[in-house]
Amino acid sequence: MNDVVARLAQIQFVDPDGRLEVLWAERLGDGSYIVLNVPVHVYGLSLGTRVQCTGLTERFLKFERIVLASP
């Protein structure tokens, strides 16, 4: 597996209206991830936001909290 692909993950976000949005993120190795997309439906996040996630399925992670807002 390519090293770049191994660092990528997909995170599911659910907005207050129940809409699901999936964003790409980069694994940082300390259990946190950097958001690599511009969210459309999820507010309070932006490109570069550092987040913490838990496992949801084999393919997706579940957003838990913001670790550090985007600069």
C-alpha atoms as a PDB file:
ATOM      1  CA  MET A   1       0.000   0.000   0.000  1.00  0.00           C
ATOM      2  CA  ASN A   2       1.239   3.449  -0.888  1.00  0.00           C
ATOM      3  CA  ASP A   3       2.415   5.478   2.150  1.00  0.00           C
ATOM      4  CA  VAL A   4       0.193   8.438   1.222  1.00  0.00           C
ATOM      5  CA  VAL A   5      -2.901   6.245   0.920  1.00  0.00           C
ATOM      6  CA  ALA A   6      -2.114   4.601   4.267  1.00  0.00           C
ATOM      7  CA  ARG A   7      -2.255   8.024   5.972  1.00  0.00           C
ATOM      8  CA  LEU A   8      -5.700   8.906   4.588  1.00  0.00           C
ATOM      9  CA  ALA A   9      -8.978   8.237   6.366  1.00  0.00           C
ATOM     10  CA  GLN A  10     -12.660   9.046   5.836  1.00  0.00           C
ATOM     11  CA  ILE A  11     -14.532  10.613   8.745  1.00  0.00           C
ATOM     12  CA  GLN A  12     -18.324  10.709   9.076  1.00  0.00           C
ATOM     13  CA  PHE A  13     -19.819  13.885  10.498  1.00  0.00           C
ATOM     14  CA  VAL A  14     -23.522  14.260  11.349  1.00  0.00           C
ATOM     15  CA  ASP A  15     -24.919  17.794  11.510  1.00  0.00           C
ATOM     16  CA  PRO A  16     -27.708  18.863  13.922  1.00  0.00           C
ATOM     17  CA  ASP A  17     -30.318  18.183  11.204  1.00  0.00           C
ATOM     18  CA  GLY A  18     -29.087  14.606  10.862  1.00  0.00           C
ATOM     19  CA  ARG A  19     -27.356  15.108   7.506  1.00  0.00           C
ATOM     20  CA  LEU A  20     -24.306  12.942   6.994  1.00  0.00           C
ATOM     21  CA  GLU A  21     -21.126  14.368   5.510  1.00  0.00           C
ATOM     22  CA  VAL A  22     -17.956  12.376   4.859  1.00  0.00           C
ATOM     23  CA  LEU A  23     -14.622  14.195   4.712  1.00  0.00           C
ATOM     24  CA  TRP A  24     -11.110  13.040   3.959  1.00  0.00           C
ATOM     25  CA  ALA A  25      -8.483  13.461   6.658  1.00  0.00           C
ATOM     26  CA  GLU A  26      -4.827  12.690   7.251  1.00  0.00           C
ATOM     27  CA  ARG A  27      -3.786  10.479  10.175  1.00  0.00           C
ATOM     28  CA  LEU A  28      -1.221  12.174  12.394  1.00  0.00           C
ATOM     29  CA  GLY A  29      -0.148   9.096  14.335  1.00  0.00           C
ATOM     30  CA  ASP A  30      -1.223  10.388  17.741  1.00  0.00           C
ATOM     31  CA  GLY A  31      -4.878   9.425  17.286  1.00  0.00           C
ATOM     32  CA  SER A  32      -5.834  12.747  15.739  1.00  0.00           C
ATOM     33  CA  TYR A  33      -6.566  13.706  12.136  1.00  0.00           C
ATOM     34  CA  ILE A  34      -6.325  16.845   9.984  1.00  0.00           C
ATOM     35  CA  VAL A  35      -9.426  17.599   7.869  1.00  0.00           C
ATOM     36  CA  LEU A  36      -8.476  17.796   4.168  1.00  0.00           C
ATOM     37  CA  ASN A  37     -11.817  18.980   2.710  1.00  0.00           C
ATOM     38  CA  VAL A  38     -13.967  22.070   3.059  1.00  0.00           C
ATOM     39  CA  PRO A  39     -17.146  20.989   4.908  1.00  0.00           C
ATOM     40  CA  VAL A  40     -20.459  21.937   3.301  1.00  0.00           C
ATOM     41  CA  HIS A  41     -23.051  20.944   5.933  1.00  0.00           C
ATOM     42  CA  VAL A  42     -21.012  20.661   9.129  1.00  0.00           C
ATOM     43  CA  TYR A  43     -20.369  23.989  10.846  1.00  0.00           C
ATOM     44  CA  GLY A  44     -17.487  24.743  13.203  1.00  0.00           C
ATOM     45  CA  LEU A  45     -14.960  22.811  11.117  1.00  0.00           C
ATOM     46  CA  SER A  46     -12.774  23.938   8.259  1.00  0.00           C
ATOM     47  CA  LEU A  47      -9.902  22.770   6.133  1.00  0.00           C
ATOM     48  CA  GLY A  48      -6.982  22.050   8.470  1.00  0.00           C
ATOM     49  CA  THR A  49      -9.017  21.493  11.649  1.00  0.00           C
ATOM     50  CA  ARG A  50      -7.472  18.829  13.888  1.00  0.00           C
ATOM     51  CA  VAL A  51     -10.061  16.326  15.144  1.00  0.00           C
ATOM     52  CA  GLN A  52     -10.259  13.192  17.260  1.00  0.00           C
ATOM     53  CA  CYS A  53     -12.258  10.190  16.051  1.00  0.00           C
ATOM     54  CA  THR A  54     -13.288   6.687  17.017  1.00  0.00           C
ATOM     55  CA  GLY A  55     -13.703   3.645  14.821  1.00  0.00           C
ATOM     56  CA  LEU A  56     -17.152   3.334  13.276  1.00  0.00           C
ATOM     57  CA  THR A  57     -16.746   0.749  10.540  1.00  0.00           C
ATOM     58  CA  GLU A  58     -13.829  -0.767   8.693  1.00  0.00           C
ATOM     59  CA  ARG A  59     -14.067   2.083   6.188  1.00  0.00           C
ATOM     60  CA  PHE A  60     -15.181   5.127   8.215  1.00  0.00           C
ATOM     61  CA  LEU A  61     -14.241   6.889  11.426  1.00  0.00           C
ATOM     62  CA  LYS A  62     -16.735   8.749  13.614  1.00  0.00           C
ATOM     63  CA  PHE A  63     -16.025  12.362  14.604  1.00  0.00           C
ATOM     64  CA  GLU A  64     -15.765  12.841  18.372  1.00  0.00           C
ATOM     65  CA  ARG A  65     -14.318  16.292  19.048  1.00  0.00           C
ATOM     66  CA  ILE A  66     -12.191  19.160  17.778  1.00  0.00           C
ATOM     67  CA  VAL A  67      -8.631  19.012  19.094  1.00  0.00           C
ATOM     68  CA  LEU A  68      -7.383  22.239  17.500  1.00  0.00           C
ATOM     69  CA  ALA A  69      -9.235  24.711  15.283  1.00  0.00           C
ATOM     70  CA  SER A  70      -7.800  25.574  11.892  1.00  0.00           C
ATOM     71  CA  PRO A  71      -5.455  28.579  11.929  1.00  0.00           C
END
